[in-house]
N, C-alpha and C. Protein backbone atom coordinates (compact mmCIF):
# COMPACT_ATOMS: atom_id res chain seq x y z
N MET A 1 0.85 -1.17 0.00
CA MET A 1 0.00 0.00 0.00
C MET A 1 0.89 1.24 0.00
N PRO A 2 0.57 2.24 -0.87
CA PRO A 2 1.42 3.43 -0.94
C PRO A 2 1.26 4.27 0.33
N PRO A 3 2.31 5.03 0.65
CA PRO A 3 2.22 5.89 1.83
C PRO A 3 1.12 6.95 1.65
N LEU A 4 0.63 7.43 2.78
CA LEU A 4 -0.45 8.41 2.77
C LEU A 4 -0.07 9.68 2.02
N SER A 5 1.18 10.09 2.11
CA SER A 5 1.62 11.31 1.45
C SER A 5 1.50 11.18 -0.07
N LEU A 6 1.76 10.01 -0.63
CA LEU A 6 1.61 9.81 -2.07
C LEU A 6 0.15 9.86 -2.48
N ILE A 7 -0.72 9.36 -1.64
CA ILE A 7 -2.15 9.40 -1.94
C ILE A 7 -2.63 10.84 -1.95
N VAL A 8 -2.17 11.62 -0.97
CA VAL A 8 -2.55 13.02 -0.89
C VAL A 8 -2.04 13.79 -2.11
N ILE A 9 -0.81 13.53 -2.51
CA ILE A 9 -0.23 14.19 -3.68
C ILE A 9 -1.01 13.83 -4.95
N ALA A 10 -1.36 12.56 -5.08
CA ALA A 10 -2.12 12.12 -6.26
C ALA A 10 -3.50 12.78 -6.28
N PHE A 11 -4.14 12.85 -5.12
CA PHE A 11 -5.45 13.50 -5.04
C PHE A 11 -5.35 14.98 -5.39
N ALA A 12 -4.33 15.64 -4.87
CA ALA A 12 -4.14 17.07 -5.16
C ALA A 12 -3.91 17.29 -6.66
N ALA A 13 -3.16 16.40 -7.30
CA ALA A 13 -2.90 16.52 -8.73
C ALA A 13 -4.20 16.37 -9.53
N ILE A 14 -5.05 15.45 -9.11
CA ILE A 14 -6.33 15.25 -9.80
C ILE A 14 -7.22 16.48 -9.64
N VAL A 15 -7.29 17.02 -8.43
CA VAL A 15 -8.11 18.21 -8.18
C VAL A 15 -7.58 19.39 -8.98
N LEU A 16 -6.27 19.58 -9.00
CA LEU A 16 -5.67 20.68 -9.74
C LEU A 16 -5.96 20.54 -11.23
N ASP A 17 -5.85 19.34 -11.75
CA ASP A 17 -6.12 19.09 -13.16
C ASP A 17 -7.59 19.39 -13.49
N SER A 18 -8.49 18.97 -12.62
CA SER A 18 -9.91 19.22 -12.84
C SER A 18 -10.21 20.71 -12.78
N THR A 19 -9.62 21.42 -11.83
CA THR A 19 -9.84 22.86 -11.70
C THR A 19 -9.31 23.60 -12.92
N THR A 20 -8.15 23.22 -13.40
CA THR A 20 -7.57 23.85 -14.58
C THR A 20 -8.47 23.64 -15.79
N ALA A 21 -9.01 22.44 -15.94
CA ALA A 21 -9.90 22.16 -17.06
C ALA A 21 -11.17 23.00 -16.97
N TYR A 22 -11.70 23.16 -15.75
CA TYR A 22 -12.91 23.97 -15.57
C TYR A 22 -12.63 25.43 -15.90
N ILE A 23 -11.52 25.96 -15.44
CA ILE A 23 -11.18 27.35 -15.71
C ILE A 23 -11.00 27.57 -17.21
N ALA A 24 -10.35 26.65 -17.87
CA ALA A 24 -10.17 26.77 -19.32
C ALA A 24 -11.52 26.73 -20.02
N TRP A 25 -12.43 25.88 -19.55
CA TRP A 25 -13.75 25.80 -20.15
C TRP A 25 -14.54 27.08 -19.90
N ALA A 26 -14.42 27.64 -18.71
CA ALA A 26 -15.18 28.83 -18.34
C ALA A 26 -14.79 30.03 -19.19
N HIS A 27 -13.57 30.07 -19.67
CA HIS A 27 -13.10 31.22 -20.43
C HIS A 27 -12.95 30.92 -21.92
N THR A 28 -13.76 29.99 -22.43
CA THR A 28 -13.68 29.72 -23.86
C THR A 28 -14.24 30.88 -24.67
N ASP A 29 -15.22 31.58 -24.11
CA ASP A 29 -15.75 32.77 -24.77
C ASP A 29 -14.82 33.95 -24.50
N THR A 30 -14.69 34.81 -25.49
CA THR A 30 -13.93 36.03 -25.24
C THR A 30 -14.80 36.97 -24.42
N CYS A 31 -14.18 37.98 -23.89
CA CYS A 31 -14.91 38.94 -23.07
C CYS A 31 -15.98 39.64 -23.90
N SER A 32 -15.66 39.97 -25.14
CA SER A 32 -16.65 40.65 -25.99
C SER A 32 -17.86 39.76 -26.26
N ILE A 33 -17.65 38.46 -26.38
CA ILE A 33 -18.78 37.54 -26.57
C ILE A 33 -19.64 37.49 -25.31
N GLN A 34 -18.99 37.45 -24.15
CA GLN A 34 -19.73 37.46 -22.88
C GLN A 34 -20.55 38.75 -22.74
N ILE A 35 -19.96 39.87 -23.12
CA ILE A 35 -20.67 41.15 -23.06
C ILE A 35 -21.89 41.12 -23.97
N ALA A 36 -21.70 40.62 -25.18
CA ALA A 36 -22.81 40.55 -26.14
C ALA A 36 -23.93 39.65 -25.61
N LYS A 37 -23.57 38.55 -24.98
CA LYS A 37 -24.58 37.64 -24.42
C LYS A 37 -25.37 38.33 -23.31
N LEU A 38 -24.67 39.05 -22.44
CA LEU A 38 -25.35 39.75 -21.36
C LEU A 38 -26.24 40.86 -21.89
N GLU A 39 -25.76 41.59 -22.89
CA GLU A 39 -26.59 42.65 -23.47
C GLU A 39 -27.85 42.07 -24.12
N ALA A 40 -27.70 40.94 -24.79
CA ALA A 40 -28.86 40.29 -25.41
C ALA A 40 -29.84 39.82 -24.34
N LEU A 41 -29.31 39.26 -23.26
CA LEU A 41 -30.17 38.81 -22.16
C LEU A 41 -30.89 40.00 -21.52
N LEU A 42 -30.17 41.08 -21.35
CA LEU A 42 -30.76 42.28 -20.75
C LEU A 42 -31.86 42.84 -21.66
N ASP A 43 -31.59 42.94 -22.96
CA ASP A 43 -32.59 43.46 -23.90
C ASP A 43 -33.82 42.55 -23.95
N GLN A 44 -33.58 41.25 -23.89
CA GLN A 44 -34.67 40.28 -23.96
C GLN A 44 -35.51 40.29 -22.69
N SER A 45 -34.88 40.51 -21.55
CA SER A 45 -35.59 40.34 -20.29
C SER A 45 -36.26 41.60 -19.76
N MET A 46 -35.98 42.76 -20.33
CA MET A 46 -36.63 43.97 -19.84
C MET A 46 -38.14 43.84 -20.04
N GLY A 47 -38.87 44.06 -18.98
CA GLY A 47 -40.32 43.92 -19.04
C GLY A 47 -40.79 42.52 -18.72
N LYS A 48 -39.86 41.59 -18.52
CA LYS A 48 -40.20 40.22 -18.19
C LYS A 48 -39.48 39.85 -16.89
N PRO A 49 -40.03 38.93 -16.13
CA PRO A 49 -39.39 38.55 -14.87
C PRO A 49 -38.27 37.52 -15.02
N VAL A 50 -37.53 37.56 -16.11
CA VAL A 50 -36.49 36.56 -16.35
C VAL A 50 -35.22 36.93 -15.59
N ALA A 51 -34.55 37.97 -16.02
CA ALA A 51 -33.28 38.36 -15.39
C ALA A 51 -33.16 39.87 -15.45
N LYS A 52 -33.68 40.52 -14.45
CA LYS A 52 -33.60 41.98 -14.39
C LYS A 52 -32.49 42.38 -13.44
N PRO A 53 -31.81 43.48 -13.74
CA PRO A 53 -30.81 43.96 -12.79
C PRO A 53 -31.49 44.43 -11.51
N THR A 54 -30.78 44.34 -10.41
CA THR A 54 -31.34 44.74 -9.13
C THR A 54 -30.42 45.72 -8.43
N LEU A 55 -30.98 46.43 -7.49
CA LEU A 55 -30.22 47.33 -6.62
C LEU A 55 -30.47 46.90 -5.18
N PRO A 56 -29.63 47.34 -4.26
CA PRO A 56 -29.88 47.02 -2.86
C PRO A 56 -31.23 47.57 -2.39
N GLN A 57 -31.77 46.97 -1.36
CA GLN A 57 -33.05 47.38 -0.81
C GLN A 57 -32.99 48.82 -0.32
N SER A 58 -34.02 49.57 -0.60
CA SER A 58 -34.05 50.99 -0.21
C SER A 58 -34.35 51.13 1.29
N PHE A 59 -34.06 52.32 1.80
CA PHE A 59 -34.35 52.62 3.20
C PHE A 59 -35.85 52.57 3.47
N GLY A 60 -36.63 53.08 2.52
CA GLY A 60 -38.08 53.05 2.67
C GLY A 60 -38.62 51.64 2.77
N ALA A 61 -38.04 50.73 2.00
CA ALA A 61 -38.49 49.33 2.05
C ALA A 61 -38.16 48.72 3.41
N GLN A 62 -37.07 49.13 4.01
CA GLN A 62 -36.72 48.61 5.33
C GLN A 62 -37.68 49.12 6.40
N LEU A 63 -38.33 50.24 6.12
CA LEU A 63 -39.32 50.79 7.06
C LEU A 63 -40.73 50.26 6.74
N HIS A 64 -40.81 49.26 5.88
CA HIS A 64 -42.06 48.59 5.50
C HIS A 64 -43.01 49.52 4.76
N ARG A 65 -42.47 50.43 3.99
CA ARG A 65 -43.30 51.29 3.15
C ARG A 65 -43.51 50.61 1.81
N GLN A 66 -44.71 50.69 1.31
CA GLN A 66 -45.03 50.09 0.02
C GLN A 66 -44.51 50.98 -1.11
N PRO A 67 -43.91 50.38 -2.14
CA PRO A 67 -43.43 51.20 -3.26
C PRO A 67 -44.60 51.68 -4.12
N THR A 68 -44.39 52.83 -4.72
CA THR A 68 -45.39 53.33 -5.67
C THR A 68 -44.99 52.83 -7.05
N PRO A 69 -45.90 52.82 -8.00
CA PRO A 69 -45.53 52.42 -9.36
C PRO A 69 -44.39 53.27 -9.91
N GLU A 70 -44.39 54.56 -9.57
CA GLU A 70 -43.32 55.45 -10.04
C GLU A 70 -41.98 55.07 -9.43
N SER A 71 -41.95 54.74 -8.14
CA SER A 71 -40.68 54.38 -7.50
C SER A 71 -40.16 53.05 -8.03
N VAL A 72 -41.06 52.13 -8.36
CA VAL A 72 -40.65 50.85 -8.95
C VAL A 72 -40.05 51.10 -10.33
N ARG A 73 -40.71 51.92 -11.14
CA ARG A 73 -40.20 52.23 -12.48
C ARG A 73 -38.83 52.91 -12.39
N ARG A 74 -38.70 53.86 -11.47
CA ARG A 74 -37.44 54.58 -11.29
C ARG A 74 -36.33 53.64 -10.83
N ALA A 75 -36.65 52.73 -9.92
CA ALA A 75 -35.65 51.77 -9.44
C ALA A 75 -35.21 50.83 -10.56
N GLU A 76 -36.15 50.39 -11.39
CA GLU A 76 -35.79 49.53 -12.51
C GLU A 76 -34.91 50.27 -13.51
N GLN A 77 -35.22 51.54 -13.77
CA GLN A 77 -34.39 52.33 -14.68
C GLN A 77 -32.99 52.53 -14.11
N ASN A 78 -32.90 52.81 -12.81
CA ASN A 78 -31.59 52.99 -12.18
C ASN A 78 -30.76 51.70 -12.24
N ALA A 79 -31.41 50.57 -12.00
CA ALA A 79 -30.70 49.29 -12.05
C ALA A 79 -30.23 48.99 -13.47
N GLN A 80 -31.09 49.29 -14.45
CA GLN A 80 -30.70 49.05 -15.84
C GLN A 80 -29.54 49.98 -16.23
N PHE A 81 -29.60 51.24 -15.80
CA PHE A 81 -28.52 52.16 -16.08
C PHE A 81 -27.21 51.67 -15.45
N ARG A 82 -27.30 51.18 -14.22
CA ARG A 82 -26.12 50.67 -13.53
C ARG A 82 -25.51 49.50 -14.29
N LEU A 83 -26.36 48.56 -14.73
CA LEU A 83 -25.85 47.41 -15.46
C LEU A 83 -25.26 47.83 -16.80
N ARG A 84 -25.92 48.74 -17.50
CA ARG A 84 -25.39 49.22 -18.78
C ARG A 84 -24.03 49.89 -18.59
N SER A 85 -23.85 50.62 -17.50
CA SER A 85 -22.55 51.27 -17.25
C SER A 85 -21.48 50.24 -16.91
N ILE A 86 -21.85 49.17 -16.21
CA ILE A 86 -20.89 48.09 -15.93
C ILE A 86 -20.45 47.44 -17.23
N LEU A 87 -21.41 47.20 -18.12
CA LEU A 87 -21.07 46.57 -19.41
C LEU A 87 -20.24 47.52 -20.28
N ALA A 88 -20.52 48.81 -20.23
CA ALA A 88 -19.71 49.77 -20.99
C ALA A 88 -18.28 49.79 -20.46
N HIS A 89 -18.14 49.70 -19.15
CA HIS A 89 -16.81 49.64 -18.55
C HIS A 89 -16.09 48.35 -18.98
N ALA A 90 -16.81 47.25 -19.02
CA ALA A 90 -16.23 45.98 -19.46
C ALA A 90 -15.77 46.08 -20.91
N LYS A 91 -16.56 46.74 -21.76
CA LYS A 91 -16.16 46.93 -23.16
C LYS A 91 -14.87 47.74 -23.25
N SER A 92 -14.79 48.78 -22.44
CA SER A 92 -13.58 49.60 -22.42
C SER A 92 -12.37 48.79 -22.00
N LEU A 93 -12.54 47.97 -20.98
CA LEU A 93 -11.44 47.11 -20.52
C LEU A 93 -11.04 46.12 -21.61
N ASP A 94 -12.03 45.57 -22.31
CA ASP A 94 -11.76 44.62 -23.38
C ASP A 94 -11.00 45.28 -24.52
N GLU A 95 -11.40 46.50 -24.87
CA GLU A 95 -10.71 47.23 -25.94
C GLU A 95 -9.27 47.57 -25.56
N ASP A 96 -9.03 47.79 -24.26
CA ASP A 96 -7.68 48.09 -23.78
C ASP A 96 -6.84 46.84 -23.60
N GLY A 97 -7.42 45.66 -23.86
CA GLY A 97 -6.68 44.41 -23.72
C GLY A 97 -6.55 43.93 -22.28
N ARG A 98 -7.34 44.47 -21.40
CA ARG A 98 -7.30 44.07 -19.99
C ARG A 98 -8.33 42.97 -19.75
N THR A 99 -8.01 41.79 -20.29
CA THR A 99 -8.94 40.67 -20.30
C THR A 99 -9.37 40.24 -18.91
N SER A 100 -8.43 40.12 -18.01
CA SER A 100 -8.76 39.68 -16.65
C SER A 100 -9.73 40.65 -15.98
N ASP A 101 -9.46 41.94 -16.11
CA ASP A 101 -10.35 42.95 -15.53
C ASP A 101 -11.72 42.93 -16.21
N CYS A 102 -11.72 42.67 -17.50
CA CYS A 102 -12.97 42.59 -18.25
C CYS A 102 -13.83 41.43 -17.72
N PHE A 103 -13.21 40.27 -17.51
CA PHE A 103 -13.95 39.12 -16.99
C PHE A 103 -14.45 39.39 -15.57
N GLN A 104 -13.71 40.16 -14.79
CA GLN A 104 -14.18 40.53 -13.45
C GLN A 104 -15.42 41.42 -13.55
N SER A 105 -15.42 42.35 -14.50
CA SER A 105 -16.59 43.20 -14.71
C SER A 105 -17.79 42.38 -15.16
N ILE A 106 -17.54 41.40 -16.01
CA ILE A 106 -18.61 40.52 -16.48
C ILE A 106 -19.19 39.74 -15.30
N ALA A 107 -18.32 39.23 -14.44
CA ALA A 107 -18.79 38.49 -13.26
C ALA A 107 -19.64 39.38 -12.36
N TYR A 108 -19.22 40.63 -12.20
CA TYR A 108 -19.98 41.58 -11.39
C TYR A 108 -21.34 41.85 -12.04
N ALA A 109 -21.35 42.02 -13.35
CA ALA A 109 -22.61 42.26 -14.06
C ALA A 109 -23.55 41.07 -13.90
N LYS A 110 -23.02 39.87 -13.92
CA LYS A 110 -23.85 38.67 -13.72
C LYS A 110 -24.44 38.64 -12.32
N ARG A 111 -23.66 39.08 -11.34
CA ARG A 111 -24.19 39.14 -9.97
C ARG A 111 -25.31 40.17 -9.88
N VAL A 112 -25.14 41.31 -10.54
CA VAL A 112 -26.18 42.34 -10.54
C VAL A 112 -27.45 41.81 -11.20
N LEU A 113 -27.27 41.04 -12.28
CA LEU A 113 -28.42 40.45 -12.97
C LEU A 113 -29.01 39.27 -12.21
N GLY A 114 -28.24 38.72 -11.32
CA GLY A 114 -28.72 37.55 -10.58
C GLY A 114 -28.61 36.27 -11.38
N THR A 115 -27.71 36.26 -12.36
CA THR A 115 -27.55 35.05 -13.19
C THR A 115 -26.31 34.25 -12.82
N ASN A 116 -25.57 34.71 -11.83
CA ASN A 116 -24.34 34.00 -11.47
C ASN A 116 -24.48 33.27 -10.19
């Protein structure tokens, strides 16, 4: 039977290999393709409960005040503006060749959309 240290090393090698394969798979799309996919999802989902951008809960909501239709519309517009600005920043990073930063912006945009 092999020593425990060899088993641990073999296990670590397998985990590292699997993680590397996953990371390579996750970044098969370029940043510009990811941006285009998110923009398409955003355009498709506006007005539908699929994947809308969100903002943190307002102070009024914490005081159990009911939102008005106007405040809901304004909050949705603000969230959409926020997401569009994140995607514009990601495009700028992609154009500058800052791929890693671009993918970080994409990940943040996905969190805002609630798709990540």
